[in-house]
Amino acid sequence: MHPSPSPPALTLTCTLAQALWPKPSGAAPHQVLRILRVLRPLRLLQRDPGMKLVITSLIKTMPSVVDVTAVVLVFHLVSLP
């Protein structure tokens, strides 16, 4: 038996389904369900605590990566002739 989805995962899935649901002139409904299959790897985070630690660590370091990228970009722009 599969564990029930966590409330944030369920909310994310519902939000994406609503945003991607085809409009009257849009794509077929099965294409939306195909897009939602991308969320399957998120289930791995619930089952593997090590993977969850890696992903949360990557997310927490993103602000620092953005800061370093901004500094490098500024130095690059200043060094242009």
PDB file of N, CA and C in Angstrom:
ATOM      1  N   MET A   1       0.847  -1.179   0.000  1.00  0.00           N
ATOM      2  CA  MET A   1       0.000   0.000   0.000  1.00  0.00           C
ATOM      3  C   MET A   1       0.887   1.235   0.000  1.00  0.00           C
ATOM      4  N   HIS A   2       0.564   2.194  -0.837  1.00  0.00           N
ATOM      5  CA  HIS A   2       1.339   3.414  -0.935  1.00  0.00           C
ATOM      6  C   HIS A   2       0.953   4.375   0.172  1.00  0.00           C
ATOM      7  N   PRO A   3       1.947   5.112   0.717  1.00  0.00           N
ATOM      8  CA  PRO A   3       1.602   6.109   1.730  1.00  0.00           C
ATOM      9  C   PRO A   3       0.826   7.245   1.088  1.00  0.00           C
ATOM     10  N   SER A   4      -0.031   7.860   1.876  1.00  0.00           N
ATOM     11  CA  SER A   4      -0.812   8.974   1.340  1.00  0.00           C
ATOM     12  C   SER A   4       0.119  10.173   1.134  1.00  0.00           C
ATOM     13  N   PRO A   5      -0.158  10.990   0.124  1.00  0.00           N
ATOM     14  CA  PRO A   5       0.711  12.130  -0.149  1.00  0.00           C
ATOM     15  C   PRO A   5       0.638  13.156   0.968  1.00  0.00           C
ATOM     16  N   SER A   6       1.745  13.832   1.197  1.00  0.00           N
ATOM     17  CA  SER A   6       1.772  14.854   2.226  1.00  0.00           C
ATOM     18  C   SER A   6       0.958  16.060   1.760  1.00  0.00           C
ATOM     19  N   PRO A   7       0.431  16.852   2.688  1.00  0.00           N
ATOM     20  CA  PRO A   7      -0.376  18.016   2.278  1.00  0.00           C
ATOM     21  C   PRO A   7       0.349  18.980   1.342  1.00  0.00           C
ATOM     22  N   PRO A   8       1.658  19.301   1.551  1.00  0.00           N
ATOM     23  CA  PRO A   8       2.302  20.201   0.582  1.00  0.00           C
ATOM     24  C   PRO A   8       2.408  19.588  -0.808  1.00  0.00           C
ATOM     25  N   ALA A   9       2.687  18.290  -0.894  1.00  0.00           N
ATOM     26  CA  ALA A   9       2.791  17.648  -2.198  1.00  0.00           C
ATOM     27  C   ALA A   9       1.434  17.626  -2.884  1.00  0.00           C
ATOM     28  N   LEU A  10       0.390  17.384  -2.105  1.00  0.00           N
ATOM     29  CA  LEU A  10      -0.954  17.368  -2.660  1.00  0.00           C
ATOM     30  C   LEU A  10      -1.360  18.758  -3.135  1.00  0.00           C
ATOM     31  N   THR A  11      -1.022  19.778  -2.356  1.00  0.00           N
ATOM     32  CA  THR A  11      -1.332  21.156  -2.736  1.00  0.00           C
ATOM     33  C   THR A  11      -0.588  21.536  -4.010  1.00  0.00           C
ATOM     34  N   LEU A  12       0.687  21.180  -4.090  1.00  0.00           N
ATOM     35  CA  LEU A  12       1.473  21.476  -5.279  1.00  0.00           C
ATOM     36  C   LEU A  12       0.889  20.781  -6.496  1.00  0.00           C
ATOM     37  N   THR A  13       0.511  19.524  -6.335  1.00  0.00           N
ATOM     38  CA  THR A  13      -0.064  18.779  -7.444  1.00  0.00           C
ATOM     39  C   THR A  13      -1.376  19.400  -7.910  1.00  0.00           C
ATOM     40  N   CYS A  14      -2.216  19.774  -6.981  1.00  0.00           N
ATOM     41  CA  CYS A  14      -3.506  20.384  -7.341  1.00  0.00           C
ATOM     42  C   CYS A  14      -3.304  21.742  -8.007  1.00  0.00           C
ATOM     43  N   THR A  15      -2.361  22.524  -7.504  1.00  0.00           N
ATOM     44  CA  THR A  15      -2.091  23.827  -8.096  1.00  0.00           C
ATOM     45  C   THR A  15      -1.575  23.684  -9.518  1.00  0.00           C
ATOM     46  N   LEU A  16      -0.647  22.752  -9.719  1.00  0.00           N
ATOM     47  CA  LEU A  16      -0.126  22.524 -11.067  1.00  0.00           C
ATOM     48  C   LEU A  16      -1.208  22.003 -12.003  1.00  0.00           C
ATOM     49  N   ALA A  17      -2.041  21.120 -11.498  1.00  0.00           N
ATOM     50  CA  ALA A  17      -3.118  20.599 -12.334  1.00  0.00           C
ATOM     51  C   ALA A  17      -4.062  21.709 -12.757  1.00  0.00           C
ATOM     52  N   GLN A  18      -4.371  22.603 -11.827  1.00  0.00           N
ATOM     53  CA  GLN A  18      -5.268  23.713 -12.154  1.00  0.00           C
ATOM     54  C   GLN A  18      -4.608  24.668 -13.140  1.00  0.00           C
ATOM     55  N   ALA A  19      -3.331  24.952 -12.947  1.00  0.00           N
ATOM     56  CA  ALA A  19      -2.631  25.886 -13.830  1.00  0.00           C
ATOM     57  C   ALA A  19      -2.436  25.303 -15.225  1.00  0.00           C
ATOM     58  N   LEU A  20      -2.222  24.002 -15.294  1.00  0.00           N
ATOM     59  CA  LEU A  20      -1.918  23.380 -16.568  1.00  0.00           C
ATOM     60  C   LEU A  20      -3.133  22.771 -17.259  1.00  0.00           C
ATOM     61  N   TRP A  21      -4.277  22.807 -16.591  1.00  0.00           N
ATOM     62  CA  TRP A  21      -5.460  22.196 -17.188  1.00  0.00           C
ATOM     63  C   TRP A  21      -5.785  22.899 -18.487  1.00  0.00           C
ATOM     64  N   PRO A  22      -6.062  22.146 -19.508  1.00  0.00           N
ATOM     65  CA  PRO A  22      -6.263  22.765 -20.821  1.00  0.00           C
ATOM     66  C   PRO A  22      -7.469  23.696 -20.848  1.00  0.00           C
ATOM     67  N   LYS A  23      -7.297  24.780 -21.514  1.00  0.00           N
ATOM     68  CA  LYS A  23      -8.380  25.724 -21.739  1.00  0.00           C
ATOM     69  C   LYS A  23      -9.229  25.174 -22.890  1.00  0.00           C
ATOM     70  N   PRO A  24     -10.366  25.777 -23.210  1.00  0.00           N
ATOM     71  CA  PRO A  24     -11.212  25.236 -24.274  1.00  0.00           C
ATOM     72  C   PRO A  24     -10.473  24.988 -25.591  1.00  0.00           C
ATOM     73  N   SER A  25      -9.500  25.822 -25.917  1.00  0.00           N
ATOM     74  CA  SER A  25      -8.771  25.618 -27.162  1.00  0.00           C
ATOM     75  C   SER A  25      -7.406  24.969 -26.930  1.00  0.00           C
ATOM     76  N   GLY A  26      -7.198  24.445 -25.721  1.00  0.00           N
ATOM     77  CA  GLY A  26      -5.880  23.925 -25.350  1.00  0.00           C
ATOM     78  C   GLY A  26      -5.692  22.466 -25.699  1.00  0.00           C
ATOM     79  N   ALA A  27      -4.768  21.843 -24.999  1.00  0.00           N
ATOM     80  CA  ALA A  27      -4.384  20.457 -25.255  1.00  0.00           C
ATOM     81  C   ALA A  27      -5.383  19.497 -24.614  1.00  0.00           C
ATOM     82  N   ALA A  28      -5.206  18.249 -24.910  1.00  0.00           N
ATOM     83  CA  ALA A  28      -6.072  17.211 -24.353  1.00  0.00           C
ATOM     84  C   ALA A  28      -5.731  16.972 -22.879  1.00  0.00           C
ATOM     85  N   PRO A  29      -6.715  16.511 -22.089  1.00  0.00           N
ATOM     86  CA  PRO A  29      -6.467  16.291 -20.650  1.00  0.00           C
ATOM     87  C   PRO A  29      -5.359  15.285 -20.368  1.00  0.00           C
ATOM     88  N   HIS A  30      -5.164  14.294 -21.237  1.00  0.00           N
ATOM     89  CA  HIS A  30      -4.120  13.313 -20.970  1.00  0.00           C
ATOM     90  C   HIS A  30      -2.727  13.935 -21.020  1.00  0.00           C
ATOM     91  N   GLN A  31      -2.575  15.030 -21.734  1.00  0.00           N
ATOM     92  CA  GLN A  31      -1.274  15.705 -21.772  1.00  0.00           C
ATOM     93  C   GLN A  31      -0.964  16.361 -20.435  1.00  0.00           C
ATOM     94  N   VAL A  32      -1.985  16.849 -19.756  1.00  0.00           N
ATOM     95  CA  VAL A  32      -1.783  17.442 -18.434  1.00  0.00           C
ATOM     96  C   VAL A  32      -1.338  16.370 -17.455  1.00  0.00           C
ATOM     97  N   LEU A  33      -1.978  15.219 -17.526  1.00  0.00           N
ATOM     98  CA  LEU A  33      -1.588  14.130 -16.640  1.00  0.00           C
ATOM     99  C   LEU A  33      -0.169  13.666 -16.931  1.00  0.00           C
ATOM    100  N   ARG A  34       0.232  13.739 -18.168  1.00  0.00           N
ATOM    101  CA  ARG A  34       1.601  13.393 -18.542  1.00  0.00           C
ATOM    102  C   ARG A  34       2.591  14.350 -17.893  1.00  0.00           C
ATOM    103  N   ILE A  35       2.241  15.629 -17.882  1.00  0.00           N
ATOM    104  CA  ILE A  35       3.103  16.635 -17.267  1.00  0.00           C
ATOM    105  C   ILE A  35       3.230  16.373 -15.773  1.00  0.00           C
ATOM    106  N   LEU A  36       2.143  15.965 -15.147  1.00  0.00           N
ATOM    107  CA  LEU A  36       2.175  15.719 -13.705  1.00  0.00           C
ATOM    108  C   LEU A  36       3.046  14.523 -13.333  1.00  0.00           C
ATOM    109  N   ARG A  37       3.368  13.672 -14.294  1.00  0.00           N
ATOM    110  CA  ARG A  37       4.261  12.547 -14.017  1.00  0.00           C
ATOM    111  C   ARG A  37       5.654  13.028 -13.632  1.00  0.00           C
ATOM    112  N   VAL A  38       5.971  14.262 -13.969  1.00  0.00           N
ATOM    113  CA  VAL A  38       7.264  14.825 -13.594  1.00  0.00           C
ATOM    114  C   VAL A  38       7.393  14.878 -12.076  1.00  0.00           C
ATOM    115  N   LEU A  39       6.270  14.954 -11.386  1.00  0.00           N
ATOM    116  CA  LEU A  39       6.299  15.063  -9.927  1.00  0.00           C
ATOM    117  C   LEU A  39       6.586  13.733  -9.229  1.00  0.00           C
ATOM    118  N   ARG A  40       6.610  12.649  -9.965  1.00  0.00           N
ATOM    119  CA  ARG A  40       6.850  11.342  -9.360  1.00  0.00           C
ATOM    120  C   ARG A  40       8.135  11.272  -8.533  1.00  0.00           C
ATOM    121  N   PRO A  41       9.247  11.842  -9.008  1.00  0.00           N
ATOM    122  CA  PRO A  41      10.466  11.759  -8.189  1.00  0.00           C
ATOM    123  C   PRO A  41      10.336  12.416  -6.821  1.00  0.00           C
ATOM    124  N   LEU A  42       9.369  13.310  -6.643  1.00  0.00           N
ATOM    125  CA  LEU A  42       9.185  13.919  -5.330  1.00  0.00           C
ATOM    126  C   LEU A  42       8.759  12.894  -4.290  1.00  0.00           C
ATOM    127  N   ARG A  43       8.149  11.810  -4.731  1.00  0.00           N
ATOM    128  CA  ARG A  43       7.772  10.756  -3.786  1.00  0.00           C
ATOM    129  C   ARG A  43       9.005  10.106  -3.176  1.00  0.00           C
ATOM    130  N   LEU A  44      10.111  10.112  -3.898  1.00  0.00           N
ATOM    131  CA  LEU A  44      11.345   9.523  -3.393  1.00  0.00           C
ATOM    132  C   LEU A  44      11.824  10.254  -2.139  1.00  0.00           C
ATOM    133  N   LEU A  45      11.545  11.553  -2.072  1.00  0.00           N
ATOM    134  CA  LEU A  45      11.971  12.324  -0.913  1.00  0.00           C
ATOM    135  C   LEU A  45      11.301  11.848   0.364  1.00  0.00           C
ATOM    136  N   GLN A  46      10.085  11.350   0.268  1.00  0.00           N
ATOM    137  CA  GLN A  46       9.393  10.841   1.450  1.00  0.00           C
ATOM    138  C   GLN A  46       9.963   9.500   1.886  1.00  0.00           C
ATOM    139  N   ARG A  47      10.460   8.727   0.953  1.00  0.00           N
ATOM    140  CA  ARG A  47      10.926   7.373   1.266  1.00  0.00           C
ATOM    141  C   ARG A  47      12.399   7.320   1.642  1.00  0.00           C
ATOM    142  N   ASP A  48      13.206   8.259   1.177  1.00  0.00           N
ATOM    143  CA  ASP A  48      14.641   8.211   1.396  1.00  0.00           C
ATOM    144  C   ASP A  48      15.105   9.463   2.141  1.00  0.00           C
ATOM    145  N   PRO A  49      15.367   9.356   3.438  1.00  0.00           N
ATOM    146  CA  PRO A  49      15.775  10.535   4.211  1.00  0.00           C
ATOM    147  C   PRO A  49      17.109  11.121   3.748  1.00  0.00           C
ATOM    148  N   GLY A  50      18.006  10.291   3.235  1.00  0.00           N
ATOM    149  CA  GLY A  50      19.288  10.791   2.737  1.00  0.00           C
ATOM    150  C   GLY A  50      19.109  11.698   1.536  1.00  0.00           C
ATOM    151  N   MET A  51      18.218  11.297   0.632  1.00  0.00           N
ATOM    152  CA  MET A  51      17.930  12.109  -0.557  1.00  0.00           C
ATOM    153  C   MET A  51      17.251  13.412  -0.151  1.00  0.00           C
ATOM    154  N   LYS A  52      16.382  13.325   0.840  1.00  0.00           N
ATOM    155  CA  LYS A  52      15.700  14.530   1.329  1.00  0.00           C
ATOM    156  C   LYS A  52      16.721  15.513   1.894  1.00  0.00           C
ATOM    157  N   LEU A  53      17.716  15.003   2.616  1.00  0.00           N
ATOM    158  CA  LEU A  53      18.762  15.854   3.172  1.00  0.00           C
ATOM    159  C   LEU A  53      19.557  16.537   2.065  1.00  0.00           C
ATOM    160  N   VAL A  54      19.893  15.797   1.017  1.00  0.00           N
ATOM    161  CA  VAL A  54      20.645  16.363  -0.100  1.00  0.00           C
ATOM    162  C   VAL A  54      19.842  17.468  -0.785  1.00  0.00           C
ATOM    163  N   ILE A  55      18.581  17.209  -1.076  1.00  0.00           N
ATOM    164  CA  ILE A  55      17.752  18.194  -1.775  1.00  0.00           C
ATOM    165  C   ILE A  55      17.534  19.430  -0.914  1.00  0.00           C
ATOM    166  N   THR A  56      17.235  19.245   0.376  1.00  0.00           N
ATOM    167  CA  THR A  56      17.036  20.417   1.239  1.00  0.00           C
ATOM    168  C   THR A  56      18.325  21.214   1.390  1.00  0.00           C
ATOM    169  N   SER A  57      19.458  20.541   1.430  1.00  0.00           N
ATOM    170  CA  SER A  57      20.738  21.255   1.504  1.00  0.00           C
ATOM    171  C   SER A  57      20.986  22.073   0.240  1.00  0.00           C
ATOM    172  N   LEU A  58      20.667  21.493  -0.913  1.00  0.00           N
ATOM    173  CA  LEU A  58      20.823  22.228  -2.170  1.00  0.00           C
ATOM    174  C   LEU A  58      19.917  23.453  -2.213  1.00  0.00           C
ATOM    175  N   ILE A  59      18.698  23.297  -1.747  1.00  0.00           N
ATOM    176  CA  ILE A  59      17.765  24.423  -1.750  1.00  0.00           C
ATOM    177  C   ILE A  59      18.226  25.514  -0.794  1.00  0.00           C
ATOM    178  N   LYS A  60      18.751  25.118   0.360  1.00  0.00           N
ATOM    179  CA  LYS A  60      19.216  26.113   1.338  1.00  0.00           C
ATOM    180  C   LYS A  60      20.450  26.869   0.858  1.00  0.00           C
ATOM    181  N   THR A  61      21.263  26.251  -0.002  1.00  0.00           N
ATOM    182  CA  THR A  61      22.475  26.933  -0.475  1.00  0.00           C
ATOM    183  C   THR A  61      22.213  27.830  -1.685  1.00  0.00           C
ATOM    184  N   MET A  62      21.035  27.771  -2.265  1.00  0.00           N
ATOM    185  CA  MET A  62      20.742  28.572  -3.459  1.00  0.00           C
ATOM    186  C   MET A  62      20.936  30.071  -3.254  1.00  0.00           C
ATOM    187  N   PRO A  63      20.528  30.666  -2.125  1.00  0.00           N
ATOM    188  CA  PRO A  63      20.787  32.110  -1.955  1.00  0.00           C
ATOM    189  C   PRO A  63      22.276  32.454  -2.021  1.00  0.00           C
ATOM    190  N   SER A  64      23.119  31.612  -1.453  1.00  0.00           N
ATOM    191  CA  SER A  64      24.560  31.863  -1.504  1.00  0.00           C
ATOM    192  C   SER A  64      25.084  31.750  -2.929  1.00  0.00           C
ATOM    193  N   VAL A  65      24.572  30.793  -3.673  1.00  0.00           N
ATOM    194  CA  VAL A  65      24.990  30.630  -5.064  1.00  0.00           C
ATOM    195  C   VAL A  65      24.580  31.859  -5.880  1.00  0.00           C
ATOM    196  N   VAL A  66      23.396  32.364  -5.624  1.00  0.00           N
ATOM    197  CA  VAL A  66      22.935  33.560  -6.331  1.00  0.00           C
ATOM    198  C   VAL A  66      23.814  34.756  -5.971  1.00  0.00           C
ATOM    199  N   ASP A  67      24.190  34.882  -4.700  1.00  0.00           N
ATOM    200  CA  ASP A  67      25.061  35.985  -4.281  1.00  0.00           C
ATOM    201  C   ASP A  67      26.410  35.922  -4.993  1.00  0.00           C
ATOM    202  N   VAL A  68      27.009  34.753  -5.026  1.00  0.00           N
ATOM    203  CA  VAL A  68      28.305  34.603  -5.685  1.00  0.00           C
ATOM    204  C   VAL A  68      28.182  34.895  -7.175  1.00  0.00           C
ATOM    205  N   THR A  69      27.106  34.430  -7.786  1.00  0.00           N
ATOM    206  CA  THR A  69      26.883  34.687  -9.209  1.00  0.00           C
ATOM    207  C   THR A  69      26.736  36.181  -9.469  1.00  0.00           C
ATOM    208  N   ALA A  70      26.035  36.882  -8.588  1.00  0.00           N
ATOM    209  CA  ALA A  70      25.868  38.325  -8.750  1.00  0.00           C
ATOM    210  C   ALA A  70      27.204  39.058  -8.637  1.00  0.00           C
ATOM    211  N   VAL A  71      28.040  38.650  -7.683  1.00  0.00           N
ATOM    212  CA  VAL A  71      29.349  39.287  -7.523  1.00  0.00           C
ATOM    213  C   VAL A  71      30.209  39.042  -8.759  1.00  0.00           C
ATOM    214  N   VAL A  72      30.219  37.820  -9.263  1.00  0.00           N
ATOM    215  CA  VAL A  72      30.998  37.507 -10.464  1.00  0.00           C
ATOM    216  C   VAL A  72      30.482  38.315 -11.654  1.00  0.00           C
ATOM    217  N   LEU A  73      29.180  38.452 -11.763  1.00  0.00           N
ATOM    218  CA  LEU A  73      28.590  39.226 -12.866  1.00  0.00           C
ATOM    219  C   LEU A  73      28.998  40.701 -12.762  1.00  0.00           C
ATOM    220  N   VAL A  74      28.987  41.250 -11.560  1.00  0.00           N
ATOM    221  CA  VAL A  74      29.400  42.646 -11.372  1.00  0.00           C
ATOM    222  C   VAL A  74      30.854  42.812 -11.768  1.00  0.00           C
ATOM    223  N   PHE A  75      31.720  41.919 -11.309  1.00  0.00           N
ATOM    224  CA  PHE A  75      33.134  42.021 -11.695  1.00  0.00           C
ATOM    225  C   PHE A  75      33.311  41.882 -13.201  1.00  0.00           C
ATOM    226  N   HIS A  76      32.519  41.023 -13.805  1.00  0.00           N
ATOM    227  CA  HIS A  76      32.609  40.849 -15.248  1.00  0.00           C
ATOM    228  C   HIS A  76      32.165  42.118 -15.965  1.00  0.00           C
ATOM    229  N   LEU A  77      31.091  42.731 -15.503  1.00  0.00           N
ATOM    230  CA  LEU A  77      30.608  43.956 -16.134  1.00  0.00           C
ATOM    231  C   LEU A  77      31.555  45.121 -15.938  1.00  0.00           C
ATOM    232  N   VAL A  78      32.197  45.176 -14.776  1.00  0.00           N
ATOM    233  CA  VAL A  78      33.145  46.264 -14.516  1.00  0.00           C
ATOM    234  C   VAL A  78      34.408  46.101 -15.352  1.00  0.00           C
ATOM    235  N   SER A  79      34.784  44.877 -15.628  1.00  0.00           N
ATOM    236  CA  SER A  79      36.027  44.649 -16.385  1.00  0.00           C
ATOM    237  C   SER A  79      35.845  44.800 -17.901  1.00  0.00           C
ATOM    238  N   LEU A  80      34.636  44.996 -18.368  1.00  0.00           N
ATOM    239  CA  LEU A  80      34.427  45.195 -19.798  1.00  0.00           C
ATOM    240  C   LEU A  80      35.039  46.523 -20.234  1.00  0.00           C
ATOM    241  N   PRO A  81      35.633  46.564 -21.413  1.00  0.00           N
ATOM    242  CA  PRO A  81      36.262  47.819 -21.850  1.00  0.00           C
ATOM    243  C   PRO A  81      35.259  48.898 -22.209  1.00  0.00           C
TER     244      PRO A  81
END
